[in-house]
Amino acid sequence: MCGICGIFNLDNAPVDSSVLKDMNDAIMHRGPDGEGYFTDKKIGLGHRRLAIIDLSSHADQPMSSDMDNYTIIYNGEIYNYKELRKDLTDLGHQFKTNSDTEVVLHSYMEWGKDCVVHFNGMFAFAIWDKAEQQLFLARDRYGIKPLYYAFINNTFIFASEQKALLRYPNIKNDIDLETVIEYFTFQNIFTDKTFLKQIQLF
């Protein structure tokens, strides 16, 4: 299953590693096979791993490109990753693992944001572009792999589950009554809202 979480300080303040770990610990059940962290001043990424395709430590996350220009945390499964790996290899990419995570990373390196057009599967991932100082998030079309986010003052936080976001300081768990009414009226929520005012569904 795996789980991801992250902190992006828009005011360039350094990420508090202890807060990132606390968020990651909240989704420990999603990845009992390992945990990993990446921090680079204003950005922090956390991952809980459930090893399925490539069981080796080479496939641990966060995973970075050779020059450390790109770093990914990923949850999901790309069903056509073998075909994409062949296409990328033909384009000159070299791989160190047998994981679909590395295929997603190299797909972004080759096609940028359009990489998601090539994916057949269920996924939620975040990629940090060091050169551009940009964070790219994506999820599958049906939202099979969940991704929640919130803006707290000058900080953008995200995670696979809301409980991880609630570990972030100063976030409130105020109930959004309009969303509750919408749910009980239609037995569904048709927007990006959640039952909590500050948290949205990506």
Protein backbone atom coordinates (compact mmCIF):
# COMPACT_ATOMS: atom_id res chain seq x y z
CA MET A 1 0.00 0.00 0.00
CA CYS A 2 2.70 2.50 1.08
CA GLY A 3 2.16 5.98 2.45
CA ILE A 4 3.57 9.41 1.66
CA CYS A 5 3.69 12.76 3.39
CA GLY A 6 5.44 16.07 2.95
CA ILE A 7 6.05 19.61 4.11
CA PHE A 8 6.82 22.53 1.80
CA ASN A 9 7.57 25.83 3.49
CA LEU A 10 6.64 28.59 1.05
CA ASP A 11 8.49 31.19 3.14
CA ASN A 12 11.77 29.23 2.69
CA ALA A 13 11.98 28.31 6.39
CA PRO A 14 13.78 25.01 7.06
CA VAL A 15 11.59 21.96 7.60
CA ASP A 16 11.38 20.60 11.14
CA SER A 17 12.48 16.96 10.74
CA SER A 18 10.79 15.92 13.97
CA VAL A 19 7.41 17.13 12.68
CA LEU A 20 7.94 15.28 9.40
CA LYS A 21 8.74 12.08 11.29
CA ASP A 22 5.67 12.51 13.46
CA MET A 23 3.51 12.84 10.35
CA ASN A 24 5.12 9.76 8.83
CA ASP A 25 4.65 7.75 12.02
CA ALA A 26 0.91 8.44 11.83
CA ILE A 27 0.71 6.33 8.64
CA MET A 28 3.07 3.59 9.79
CA HIS A 29 0.41 0.95 9.11
CA ARG A 30 0.54 1.76 5.39
CA GLY A 31 4.16 0.65 5.09
CA PRO A 32 5.54 -1.81 7.64
CA ASP A 33 8.63 -2.66 5.57
CA GLY A 34 10.51 0.59 6.10
CA GLU A 35 10.53 4.34 6.41
CA GLY A 36 12.54 7.03 4.67
CA TYR A 37 13.05 10.78 4.71
CA PHE A 38 14.36 13.52 2.48
CA THR A 39 14.90 17.11 3.58
CA ASP A 40 16.45 20.00 1.69
CA LYS A 41 15.92 23.22 3.62
CA LYS A 42 12.30 24.21 2.85
CA ILE A 43 11.14 20.79 1.58
CA GLY A 44 10.65 17.58 3.52
CA LEU A 45 9.36 14.25 2.18
CA GLY A 46 8.45 11.14 4.15
CA HIS A 47 7.63 7.61 3.03
CA ARG A 48 6.34 4.39 4.55
CA ARG A 49 7.16 1.37 2.41
CA LEU A 50 5.26 -1.81 1.64
CA ALA A 51 7.68 -3.72 -0.60
CA ILE A 52 5.94 -5.54 -3.45
CA ILE A 53 7.66 -5.34 -6.85
CA ASP A 54 11.34 -4.79 -6.03
CA LEU A 55 12.05 -6.06 -2.52
CA SER A 56 15.65 -4.83 -2.42
CA SER A 57 16.87 -1.79 -0.48
CA HIS A 58 17.76 -0.15 -3.81
CA ALA A 59 14.05 0.56 -4.24
CA ASP A 60 13.73 2.36 -0.90
CA GLN A 61 12.11 5.77 -0.87
CA PRO A 62 12.45 8.69 -1.07
CA MET A 63 14.29 7.89 -4.30
CA SER A 64 16.54 10.42 -6.02
CA SER A 65 17.94 10.64 -9.54
CA ASP A 66 21.66 10.18 -10.18
CA MET A 67 22.50 13.87 -9.83
CA ASP A 68 19.98 14.33 -6.99
CA ASN A 69 18.06 16.80 -9.17
CA TYR A 70 14.77 14.97 -8.64
CA THR A 71 13.41 13.14 -5.61
CA ILE A 72 10.21 11.10 -5.51
CA ILE A 73 7.88 9.59 -2.92
CA TYR A 74 5.30 7.29 -4.43
CA ASN A 75 2.34 5.13 -3.48
CA GLY A 76 0.66 2.87 -6.00
CA GLU A 77 1.20 0.54 -8.91
CA ILE A 78 1.77 1.38 -12.57
CA TYR A 79 0.46 -1.59 -14.53
CA ASN A 80 2.34 -0.71 -17.72
CA TYR A 81 5.64 0.15 -16.05
CA LYS A 82 7.56 -2.56 -17.93
CA GLU A 83 6.50 -1.12 -21.28
CA LEU A 84 7.36 2.40 -20.10
CA ARG A 85 10.72 1.21 -18.82
CA LYS A 86 11.53 -0.16 -22.29
CA ASP A 87 10.45 3.08 -23.96
CA LEU A 88 12.59 5.12 -21.56
CA THR A 89 15.55 2.80 -22.00
CA ASP A 90 15.29 3.32 -25.77
CA LEU A 91 15.41 7.06 -25.06
CA GLY A 92 18.68 6.64 -23.16
CA HIS A 93 17.54 6.28 -19.55
CA GLN A 94 19.37 3.85 -17.28
CA PHE A 95 17.77 2.04 -14.36
CA LYS A 96 19.21 0.70 -11.12
CA THR A 97 16.12 -1.08 -9.79
CA ASN A 98 13.22 -3.18 -11.02
CA SER A 99 10.69 -0.92 -9.31
CA ASP A 100 7.87 1.03 -10.90
CA THR A 101 8.87 3.94 -8.63
CA GLU A 102 12.02 4.49 -10.67
CA VAL A 103 9.96 4.33 -13.86
CA VAL A 104 7.67 7.08 -12.55
CA LEU A 105 10.71 9.19 -11.64
CA HIS A 106 12.34 8.79 -15.06
CA SER A 107 9.02 9.41 -16.77
CA TYR A 108 8.87 12.80 -15.07
CA MET A 109 12.48 13.48 -16.04
CA GLU A 110 11.61 12.72 -19.68
CA TRP A 111 8.09 14.13 -20.08
CA GLY A 112 7.67 16.51 -17.15
CA LYS A 113 4.09 16.98 -15.94
CA ASP A 114 2.81 15.13 -19.01
CA CYS A 115 4.23 11.91 -17.55
CA VAL A 116 0.83 11.12 -15.99
CA VAL A 117 -0.66 10.73 -19.48
CA HIS A 118 1.54 7.64 -19.93
CA PHE A 119 0.52 5.92 -16.69
CA ASN A 120 -2.00 3.10 -16.54
CA GLY A 121 -2.56 2.36 -12.88
CA MET A 122 -3.35 3.70 -9.45
CA PHE A 123 -0.96 6.19 -7.92
CA ALA A 124 -0.27 9.19 -5.75
CA PHE A 125 3.18 10.72 -5.77
CA ALA A 126 5.22 13.85 -5.19
CA ILE A 127 8.41 14.85 -6.99
CA TRP A 128 10.77 17.58 -5.83
CA ASP A 129 12.57 19.38 -8.67
CA LYS A 130 15.67 20.80 -7.05
CA ALA A 131 16.77 22.97 -9.97
CA GLU A 132 13.36 24.59 -10.41
CA GLN A 133 12.56 24.51 -6.68
CA GLN A 134 9.15 23.10 -7.56
CA LEU A 135 7.01 20.39 -6.00
CA PHE A 136 4.85 18.33 -8.35
CA LEU A 137 1.98 16.22 -7.00
CA ALA A 138 -0.27 13.86 -8.93
CA ARG A 139 -2.80 11.12 -8.32
CA ASP A 140 -4.64 8.64 -10.52
CA ARG A 141 -7.75 9.74 -12.34
CA TYR A 142 -10.22 8.04 -10.00
CA GLY A 143 -8.42 8.83 -6.78
CA ILE A 144 -7.91 5.18 -5.89
CA LYS A 145 -4.76 6.20 -4.07
CA PRO A 146 -5.77 9.06 -1.75
CA LEU A 147 -3.91 12.33 -1.32
CA TYR A 148 -4.92 15.05 1.13
CA TYR A 149 -3.47 18.52 1.57
CA ALA A 150 -3.72 21.72 3.59
CA PHE A 151 -2.24 25.21 3.70
CA ILE A 152 -1.22 26.24 7.20
CA ASN A 153 -0.02 29.84 7.16
CA ASN A 154 2.98 29.77 4.78
CA THR A 155 3.25 25.98 4.64
CA PHE A 156 1.81 23.41 2.25
CA ILE A 157 1.44 19.94 3.74
CA PHE A 158 0.17 16.72 2.18
CA ALA A 159 -0.24 13.05 3.02
CA SER A 160 -1.95 9.79 2.11
CA GLU A 161 -4.23 10.11 5.14
CA GLN A 162 -5.73 13.01 7.05
CA LYS A 163 -4.41 11.71 10.36
CA ALA A 164 -0.86 12.53 9.21
CA LEU A 165 -1.85 16.13 8.52
CA LEU A 166 -3.37 16.41 11.98
CA ARG A 167 0.10 15.82 13.43
CA TYR A 168 1.24 19.14 11.99
CA PRO A 169 1.37 22.00 14.54
CA ASN A 170 -1.39 24.62 14.46
CA ILE A 171 -3.71 22.66 12.21
CA LYS A 172 -7.28 22.58 13.47
CA ASN A 173 -9.75 19.71 13.36
CA ASP A 174 -12.81 21.92 12.99
CA ILE A 175 -15.72 20.11 11.34
CA ASP A 176 -17.01 21.46 8.01
CA LEU A 177 -20.77 21.27 8.58
CA GLU A 178 -21.61 22.04 4.94
CA THR A 179 -19.68 18.98 3.86
CA VAL A 180 -21.36 16.84 6.50
CA ILE A 181 -24.77 17.98 5.24
CA GLU A 182 -23.73 17.28 1.65
CA TYR A 183 -22.67 13.76 2.60
CA PHE A 184 -25.85 12.91 4.49
CA THR A 185 -27.96 14.39 1.70
CA PHE A 186 -26.31 12.63 -1.25
CA GLN A 187 -24.36 9.85 0.48
CA ASN A 188 -21.31 11.30 -1.22
CA ILE A 189 -19.05 14.35 -1.40
CA PHE A 190 -18.87 15.82 -4.90
CA THR A 191 -16.13 18.38 -4.30
CA ASP A 192 -12.56 18.39 -3.02
CA LYS A 193 -13.78 19.09 0.52
CA THR A 194 -13.45 16.79 3.53
CA PHE A 195 -15.19 16.74 6.89
CA LEU A 196 -12.41 18.98 8.21
CA LYS A 197 -12.36 22.65 7.17
CA GLN A 198 -8.61 22.97 6.65
CA ILE A 199 -8.05 19.70 4.79
CA GLN A 200 -8.86 19.12 1.14
CA LEU A 201 -8.76 16.09 -1.12
CA PHE A 202 -6.36 16.41 -4.03
